[in-house]
Amino acid sequence: MVSKDFFSALDMLESEKKIPKNVFIETLESALALAYKKQYGTAKAIQVMLIPERSAIRVIAYLTVVEEVEDKDSQISLEDAKLIDKKYKVGDRISEEIDTKGDFGRIIAQNAKQVILQKLREIENNVIYEELSEKEDDLVTCSVRRIDGKYVYVDLKKLEAVLMPTDQLPADKFYVGERIKVYVKKIKPGTRGPQIQVSRTVPGFVRKLFEAEVPEIKSGQVVIKALVREPGYRTKMAVYSEDPNIDPVGACVGNRGLRVNNIVAELGGEKIEIIPWCEDPLEFIARALSPAKVIMVEANEDERAARVFVKDDMLSLAIGRDGQNARLAARLTNWKVDVKPYSLHRDEDESEQNISDEDLSVDDLDTGLNESEGE
């Protein structure tokens, strides 16, 4: 017999935790079968059955009927089975109930608590995983739980998420208990609960910050068409609105720059350039090289490559420190961008003009010679 209090406790768990009682019973039956075999050193196939309505437990040893026996502890040949009962056929099970008197009650008590607690943790982790899976690719505010060298561990729905060194901004400095914003990069189930990776360096982090800060983006009136960044240094973002009454860039910047400045502060001073998106690729490339002013763009659409000409005194601004501005513009537009000084284009024009003049004089000379020969 099993104590009625044990099954009453399962009823209480079902009521409070909304976890079906049979979930615990099935798990406990499997655990008790293993415990019985370990306790009594038997190799027999064992099945444990808990019977709540009778507050009872049954332990059954069984043999499976097979054509040829490979494991004598769990199998019986069809020939031997028919000696017991001619109705037996391959696949049937011959069972024998085992007397559970003795210290099996102690085994039940030892395993029940452990199994129930483990199952509770497992189910709670699954519930948390389901809740968190909706937060993947989203912005969350959490607290710093602990810091281990360069690794920062944060509290996320009672679980621990890791902020890797590569997911931290150069200016990030954290302390235990601090509330910080992170982007949930990846959630996957694990044996010890969901494994969660968070980041502050991915483009999605900036995108979600703008969604939270700019109501027009949240509502869909303003759309972020493209966003690229070099974390901690610079972000370029192209925005668009179908509503002619809405200035998409102005909406993101906010009154006196309040909105964008809040985001810059969260990013530790990272520069943010917001440009109006354009369907014309040449115009979009020119805008992407902001703050430099572009004079002209030559494009090879088959290779998605563009030569961009700017005033000579703006060349360094267009390229940016270590090529950063041109590099981000190329990533934003998804075109290869080659920035050139406009003087080079003028020189090329003059060179082409000189070649054209030379070709003309040769033609004239040939014509003169032909006429002379004709005479």
Protein backbone atom coordinates (compact mmCIF):
# COMPACT_ATOMS: atom_id res chain seq x y z
CA MET A 1 0.00 0.00 0.00
CA VAL A 2 0.98 3.62 -0.61
CA SER A 3 0.04 6.38 1.78
CA LYS A 4 -3.13 8.27 0.84
CA ASP A 5 -1.25 11.46 1.67
CA PHE A 6 1.05 10.76 -1.27
CA PHE A 7 -1.80 10.80 -3.79
CA SER A 8 -3.40 13.77 -2.00
CA ALA A 9 -0.15 15.66 -2.53
CA LEU A 10 -0.32 14.85 -6.26
CA ASP A 11 -3.89 16.17 -6.34
CA MET A 12 -2.69 19.38 -4.70
CA LEU A 13 0.13 19.76 -7.25
CA GLU A 14 -2.34 19.26 -10.07
CA SER A 15 -4.57 21.97 -8.61
CA GLU A 16 -1.84 24.52 -7.80
CA LYS A 17 0.66 23.97 -10.63
CA LYS A 18 -1.88 22.94 -13.27
CA ILE A 19 0.21 19.82 -13.94
CA PRO A 20 -1.82 16.63 -14.61
CA LYS A 21 -1.37 14.03 -11.87
CA ASN A 22 -0.73 11.28 -14.42
CA VAL A 23 2.44 13.11 -15.54
CA PHE A 24 3.96 12.56 -12.09
CA ILE A 25 2.62 9.02 -11.82
CA GLU A 26 4.09 7.91 -15.18
CA THR A 27 7.48 9.43 -14.34
CA LEU A 28 7.46 7.92 -10.85
CA GLU A 29 6.51 4.47 -12.16
CA SER A 30 9.54 4.47 -14.46
CA ALA A 31 11.83 5.67 -11.67
CA LEU A 32 10.54 3.07 -9.21
CA ALA A 33 11.06 0.25 -11.71
CA LEU A 34 14.72 1.26 -12.05
CA ALA A 35 15.04 1.65 -8.27
CA TYR A 36 13.58 -1.80 -7.65
CA LYS A 37 15.99 -3.46 -10.08
CA LYS A 38 18.91 -1.62 -8.51
CA GLN A 39 17.84 -2.46 -4.95
CA TYR A 40 17.27 -6.15 -5.55
CA GLY A 41 19.90 -6.67 -8.23
CA THR A 42 17.49 -8.25 -10.67
CA ALA A 43 17.88 -8.23 -14.43
CA LYS A 44 14.21 -9.04 -14.97
CA ALA A 45 11.96 -6.71 -16.92
CA ILE A 46 10.03 -4.85 -14.22
CA GLN A 47 6.90 -2.72 -14.44
CA VAL A 48 5.65 -0.67 -11.50
CA MET A 49 2.01 0.42 -11.43
CA LEU A 50 0.62 3.04 -9.06
CA ILE A 51 -3.14 2.79 -8.50
CA PRO A 52 -4.44 6.07 -6.99
CA GLU A 53 -8.05 4.93 -6.50
CA ARG A 54 -6.89 2.07 -4.26
CA SER A 55 -3.81 3.84 -2.85
CA ALA A 56 -1.94 0.77 -4.02
CA ILE A 57 1.18 -0.21 -5.88
CA ARG A 58 1.87 -3.29 -8.00
CA VAL A 59 5.27 -4.55 -9.09
CA ILE A 60 5.18 -6.91 -12.01
CA ALA A 61 7.98 -8.95 -13.55
CA TYR A 62 7.30 -9.95 -17.14
CA LEU A 63 8.75 -11.94 -20.00
CA THR A 64 8.14 -11.18 -23.65
CA VAL A 65 7.33 -14.10 -25.94
CA VAL A 66 9.85 -14.37 -28.82
CA GLU A 67 10.79 -16.92 -31.47
CA GLU A 68 14.39 -17.09 -30.29
CA VAL A 69 15.53 -16.02 -26.82
CA GLU A 70 18.38 -13.51 -26.74
CA ASP A 71 17.89 -12.29 -23.16
CA LYS A 72 16.67 -14.98 -20.77
CA ASP A 73 15.88 -12.38 -18.05
CA SER A 74 13.29 -10.58 -20.15
CA GLN A 75 12.30 -13.06 -22.87
CA ILE A 76 10.72 -16.52 -23.17
CA SER A 77 10.56 -18.70 -26.23
CA LEU A 78 7.24 -19.33 -27.94
CA GLU A 79 7.70 -23.07 -27.32
CA ASP A 80 8.08 -22.60 -23.54
CA ALA A 81 5.25 -20.06 -23.43
CA LYS A 82 2.85 -22.53 -25.03
CA LEU A 83 3.65 -24.98 -22.25
CA ILE A 84 2.17 -22.38 -19.87
CA ASP A 85 -0.77 -21.51 -22.08
CA LYS A 86 -1.35 -22.52 -25.69
CA LYS A 87 -2.93 -19.12 -26.43
CA TYR A 88 0.38 -17.25 -26.16
CA LYS A 89 1.89 -15.90 -29.38
CA VAL A 90 5.01 -13.91 -30.29
CA GLY A 91 4.87 -10.43 -28.77
CA ASP A 92 2.68 -11.37 -25.82
CA ARG A 93 3.86 -10.68 -22.28
CA ILE A 94 3.76 -13.22 -19.46
CA SER A 95 3.58 -11.37 -16.18
CA GLU A 96 4.08 -12.31 -12.56
CA GLU A 97 3.23 -10.02 -9.63
CA ILE A 98 5.98 -9.56 -7.05
CA ASP A 99 5.31 -9.27 -3.34
CA THR A 100 6.31 -5.74 -2.32
CA LYS A 101 6.35 -6.35 1.40
CA GLY A 102 9.54 -5.36 3.15
CA ASP A 103 11.49 -2.16 2.66
CA PHE A 104 10.06 -1.25 -0.78
CA GLY A 105 8.03 1.49 0.94
CA ARG A 106 11.29 3.20 1.86
CA ILE A 107 12.40 3.01 -1.79
CA ILE A 108 9.12 4.65 -2.84
CA ALA A 109 9.59 7.49 -0.33
CA GLN A 110 13.20 8.12 -1.39
CA ASN A 111 12.38 8.24 -5.09
CA ALA A 112 9.03 10.02 -4.94
CA LYS A 113 10.38 13.29 -3.58
CA GLN A 114 13.33 13.32 -5.96
CA VAL A 115 11.23 12.47 -9.00
CA ILE A 116 8.52 15.01 -8.22
CA LEU A 117 11.00 17.85 -7.63
CA GLN A 118 12.89 16.96 -10.81
CA LYS A 119 9.66 16.81 -12.81
CA LEU A 120 8.54 20.12 -11.38
CA ARG A 121 11.80 21.76 -12.45
CA GLU A 122 11.54 20.20 -15.89
CA ILE A 123 7.95 21.34 -16.39
CA GLU A 124 8.65 24.84 -15.07
CA ASN A 125 11.66 25.09 -17.41
CA ASN A 126 9.46 24.03 -20.32
CA VAL A 127 6.87 26.65 -19.39
CA ILE A 128 9.56 29.31 -19.13
CA TYR A 129 11.03 28.17 -22.45
CA GLU A 130 7.64 28.51 -24.13
CA GLU A 131 7.26 32.02 -22.69
CA LEU A 132 10.81 33.02 -23.63
CA SER A 133 10.63 31.58 -27.14
CA GLU A 134 8.22 34.40 -27.92
CA LYS A 135 10.93 36.83 -26.80
CA GLU A 136 13.51 35.56 -29.29
CA ASP A 137 14.60 38.42 -31.60
CA ASP A 138 13.17 40.90 -29.12
CA LEU A 139 14.39 43.52 -26.64
CA VAL A 140 14.19 42.75 -22.92
CA THR A 141 15.23 44.53 -19.74
CA CYS A 142 16.97 42.31 -17.20
CA SER A 143 19.32 42.55 -14.22
CA VAL A 144 22.96 41.53 -13.98
CA ARG A 145 23.17 38.41 -11.81
CA ARG A 146 26.92 37.87 -11.75
CA ILE A 147 30.12 38.79 -13.60
CA ASP A 148 32.82 36.22 -14.31
CA GLY A 149 35.80 37.86 -15.96
CA LYS A 150 34.58 39.20 -19.30
CA TYR A 151 31.38 37.15 -19.17
CA VAL A 152 28.23 38.81 -17.84
CA TYR A 153 25.31 36.67 -16.65
CA VAL A 154 21.86 38.23 -16.49
CA ASP A 155 18.57 37.21 -14.88
CA LEU A 156 15.90 36.43 -17.44
CA LYS A 157 12.58 35.02 -16.18
CA LYS A 158 14.36 33.28 -13.26
CA LEU A 159 16.85 31.79 -15.72
CA GLU A 160 20.43 32.78 -16.41
CA ALA A 161 21.42 34.18 -19.81
CA VAL A 162 24.98 34.89 -20.87
CA LEU A 163 26.24 38.10 -22.46
CA MET A 164 29.43 37.02 -24.22
CA PRO A 165 32.38 39.43 -24.58
CA THR A 166 31.67 39.62 -28.35
CA ASP A 167 28.09 40.69 -27.57
CA GLN A 168 29.17 43.64 -25.40
CA LEU A 169 29.82 47.16 -26.64
CA PRO A 170 33.29 48.66 -26.18
CA ALA A 171 31.89 51.23 -23.72
CA ASP A 172 29.83 48.71 -21.71
CA LYS A 173 30.67 48.54 -18.00
CA PHE A 174 28.34 46.52 -15.77
CA TYR A 175 27.85 45.90 -12.06
CA VAL A 176 25.84 43.24 -10.24
CA GLY A 177 22.20 44.23 -9.78
CA GLU A 178 22.24 46.76 -12.64
CA ARG A 179 19.23 46.83 -14.95
CA ILE A 180 20.28 46.63 -18.60
CA LYS A 181 18.66 46.22 -22.01
CA VAL A 182 19.66 43.25 -24.17
CA TYR A 183 18.54 41.63 -27.41
CA VAL A 184 17.53 37.96 -27.12
CA LYS A 185 19.63 36.40 -29.84
CA LYS A 186 19.07 32.68 -29.36
CA ILE A 187 17.03 30.39 -27.10
CA LYS A 188 17.37 26.62 -27.25
CA PRO A 189 16.23 23.88 -24.87
CA GLY A 190 18.88 22.17 -22.74
CA THR A 191 19.07 19.39 -20.17
CA ARG A 192 19.38 21.96 -17.37
CA GLY A 193 16.79 24.34 -18.74
CA PRO A 194 16.73 26.73 -21.71
CA GLN A 195 20.09 28.05 -22.89
CA ILE A 196 19.81 31.76 -23.66
CA GLN A 197 22.21 34.00 -25.54
CA VAL A 198 21.72 37.76 -25.43
CA SER A 199 23.52 40.55 -27.25
CA ARG A 200 24.02 44.31 -27.45
CA THR A 201 26.07 44.28 -30.65
CA VAL A 202 23.75 42.80 -33.29
CA PRO A 203 21.84 45.18 -35.63
CA GLY A 204 18.58 43.86 -34.17
CA PHE A 205 19.44 45.54 -30.85
CA VAL A 206 19.40 49.01 -32.45
CA ARG A 207 16.32 48.17 -34.51
CA LYS A 208 14.39 47.17 -31.36
CA LEU A 209 15.58 50.27 -29.49
CA PHE A 210 14.08 52.43 -32.26
CA GLU A 211 10.85 50.41 -32.19
CA ALA A 212 10.59 51.07 -28.44
CA GLU A 213 11.51 54.77 -28.74
CA VAL A 214 9.65 55.79 -31.92
CA PRO A 215 5.86 55.24 -31.90
CA GLU A 216 5.68 55.66 -35.68
CA ILE A 217 7.98 52.66 -36.15
CA LYS A 218 6.05 50.60 -33.60
CA SER A 219 2.78 51.35 -35.42
CA GLY A 220 4.24 50.65 -38.88
CA GLN A 221 3.86 54.21 -40.16
CA VAL A 222 7.64 54.39 -40.50
CA VAL A 223 9.56 51.36 -41.75
CA ILE A 224 13.24 50.58 -41.19
CA LYS A 225 14.25 49.40 -44.66
CA ALA A 226 17.88 48.62 -43.86
CA LEU A 227 20.18 48.87 -40.86
CA VAL A 228 23.91 48.12 -40.52
CA ARG A 229 26.36 48.89 -37.78
CA GLU A 230 29.86 48.55 -36.47
CA PRO A 231 29.01 48.12 -32.78
CA GLY A 232 30.12 50.92 -30.51
CA TYR A 233 31.23 53.14 -33.40
CA ARG A 234 28.62 53.75 -36.07
CA THR A 235 25.16 52.78 -37.28
CA LYS A 236 23.56 53.62 -40.63
CA MET A 237 19.81 53.21 -40.97
CA ALA A 238 17.51 53.81 -43.94
CA VAL A 239 13.87 54.62 -43.15
CA TYR A 240 10.75 55.12 -45.24
CA SER A 241 7.11 56.12 -44.88
CA GLU A 242 4.27 55.77 -47.37
CA ASP A 243 2.46 58.63 -45.64
CA PRO A 244 3.56 61.90 -47.31
CA ASN A 245 2.66 63.79 -44.13
CA ILE A 246 5.24 61.89 -42.08
CA ASP A 247 8.94 62.71 -42.22
CA PRO A 248 10.53 59.32 -41.44
CA VAL A 249 13.93 60.77 -40.55
CA GLY A 250 12.41 63.48 -38.36
CA ALA A 251 10.22 60.93 -36.57
CA CYS A 252 13.32 58.89 -35.66
CA VAL A 253 15.34 61.91 -34.59
CA GLY A 254 12.55 63.35 -32.47
CA ASN A 255 11.99 66.86 -31.13
CA ARG A 256 15.42 68.44 -30.63
CA GLY A 257 16.98 65.04 -31.22
CA LEU A 258 15.48 63.59 -28.03
CA ARG A 259 14.60 60.16 -29.45
CA VAL A 260 17.84 59.42 -31.23
CA ASN A 261 19.89 60.86 -28.35
CA ASN A 262 18.24 58.43 -25.92
CA ILE A 263 19.35 55.56 -28.15
CA VAL A 264 22.85 56.97 -28.58
CA ALA A 265 23.14 57.13 -24.79
CA GLU A 266 22.06 53.47 -24.49
CA LEU A 267 24.72 52.57 -27.07
CA GLY A 268 27.47 54.37 -25.18
CA GLY A 269 27.90 57.18 -27.70
CA GLU A 270 27.68 55.13 -30.91
CA LYS A 271 27.05 57.49 -33.86
CA ILE A 272 23.75 56.98 -35.66
CA GLU A 273 23.07 58.24 -39.20
CA ILE A 274 19.49 58.10 -40.41
CA ILE A 275 18.83 58.52 -44.13
CA PRO A 276 15.63 58.45 -46.19
CA TRP A 277 15.36 55.23 -48.16
CA CYS A 278 14.97 55.53 -51.94
CA GLU A 279 13.88 52.99 -54.53
CA ASP A 280 16.34 54.37 -57.09
CA PRO A 281 19.61 52.53 -56.34
CA LEU A 282 21.83 55.39 -57.59
CA GLU A 283 20.09 57.94 -55.40
CA PHE A 284 20.10 55.52 -52.46
CA ILE A 285 23.85 54.95 -52.82
CA ALA A 286 24.42 58.71 -52.88
CA ARG A 287 22.36 59.15 -49.71
CA ALA A 288 24.09 56.23 -48.02
CA LEU A 289 27.44 58.04 -48.17
CA SER A 290 26.10 60.80 -45.92
CA PRO A 291 27.41 63.11 -44.53
CA ALA A 292 29.51 63.49 -47.71
CA LYS A 293 27.84 65.21 -50.69
CA VAL A 294 27.92 63.07 -53.82
CA ILE A 295 28.29 64.68 -57.25
CA MET A 296 27.54 61.68 -59.44
CA VAL A 297 27.19 57.89 -59.39
CA GLU A 298 28.13 55.48 -62.18
CA ALA A 299 26.68 51.98 -61.82
CA ASN A 300 27.13 48.54 -63.30
CA GLU A 301 23.80 46.91 -62.47
CA ASP A 302 24.89 43.44 -63.61
CA GLU A 303 27.72 43.40 -61.08
CA ARG A 304 25.93 45.65 -58.56
CA ALA A 305 29.02 47.83 -58.49
CA ALA A 306 29.07 51.62 -58.37
CA ARG A 307 31.70 54.33 -58.76
CA VAL A 308 30.80 57.36 -56.68
CA PHE A 309 32.39 60.74 -57.28
CA VAL A 310 32.60 63.39 -54.57
CA LYS A 311 34.36 66.74 -54.29
CA ASP A 312 38.05 66.28 -53.64
CA ASP A 313 37.83 67.96 -50.25
CA MET A 314 35.07 65.51 -49.22
CA LEU A 315 36.88 62.35 -50.22
CA SER A 316 38.12 61.51 -46.71
CA LEU A 317 34.66 62.25 -45.27
CA ALA A 318 33.00 59.96 -47.82
CA ILE A 319 35.41 57.12 -47.19
CA GLY A 320 35.50 57.64 -43.43
CA ARG A 321 38.11 56.61 -40.89
CA ASP A 322 39.61 53.28 -41.92
CA GLY A 323 37.04 53.15 -44.74
CA GLN A 324 34.15 52.84 -42.28
CA ASN A 325 31.65 55.18 -43.99
CA ALA A 326 32.09 53.65 -47.44
CA ARG A 327 32.04 50.14 -45.97
CA LEU A 328 28.75 50.73 -44.13
CA ALA A 329 27.23 52.40 -47.21
CA ALA A 330 28.09 49.31 -49.27
CA ARG A 331 26.49 47.02 -46.69
CA LEU A 332 23.42 49.25 -46.36
CA THR A 333 22.75 49.34 -50.13
CA ASN A 334 24.08 45.84 -50.88
CA TRP A 335 26.22 47.32 -53.68
CA LYS A 336 29.99 47.43 -54.14
CA VAL A 337 30.89 51.08 -53.66
CA ASP A 338 34.13 52.63 -54.95
CA VAL A 339 34.55 56.28 -53.88
CA LYS A 340 36.59 58.55 -56.18
CA PRO A 341 37.50 62.26 -56.21
CA TYR A 342 35.62 64.26 -58.86
CA SER A 343 38.91 65.59 -60.26
CA LEU A 344 39.66 62.05 -61.43
CA HIS A 345 36.42 62.01 -63.39
CA ARG A 346 37.30 65.37 -65.02
CA ASP A 347 40.74 64.02 -65.94
CA GLU A 348 39.12 60.97 -67.50
CA ASP A 349 36.75 63.21 -69.48
CA GLU A 350 39.62 65.35 -70.74
CA SER A 351 41.61 62.26 -71.65
CA GLU A 352 38.68 60.86 -73.63
CA GLN A 353 38.24 64.24 -75.34
CA ASN A 354 41.94 64.30 -76.36
CA ILE A 355 41.67 60.79 -77.76
CA SER A 356 38.58 61.82 -79.70
CA ASP A 357 40.42 64.88 -81.15
CA GLU A 358 43.36 62.73 -82.19
CA ASP A 359 41.05 60.26 -83.92
CA LEU A 360 39.44 63.11 -85.78
CA SER A 361 42.75 64.53 -87.10
CA VAL A 362 43.85 61.10 -88.33
CA ASP A 363 40.58 60.69 -90.20
CA ASP A 364 41.08 64.07 -91.78
CA LEU A 365 44.61 63.14 -92.82
CA ASP A 366 43.42 59.87 -94.35
CA THR A 367 40.75 61.72 -96.24
CA GLY A 368 43.30 64.17 -97.59
CA LEU A 369 45.59 61.40 -98.74
CA ASN A 370 42.75 59.63 -100.52
CA GLU A 371 41.76 62.78 -102.30
CA SER A 372 45.39 63.38 -103.35
CA GLU A 373 45.66 59.90 -104.76
CA GLY A 374 42.43 60.36 -106.60
CA GLU A 375 43.82 63.39 -108.34
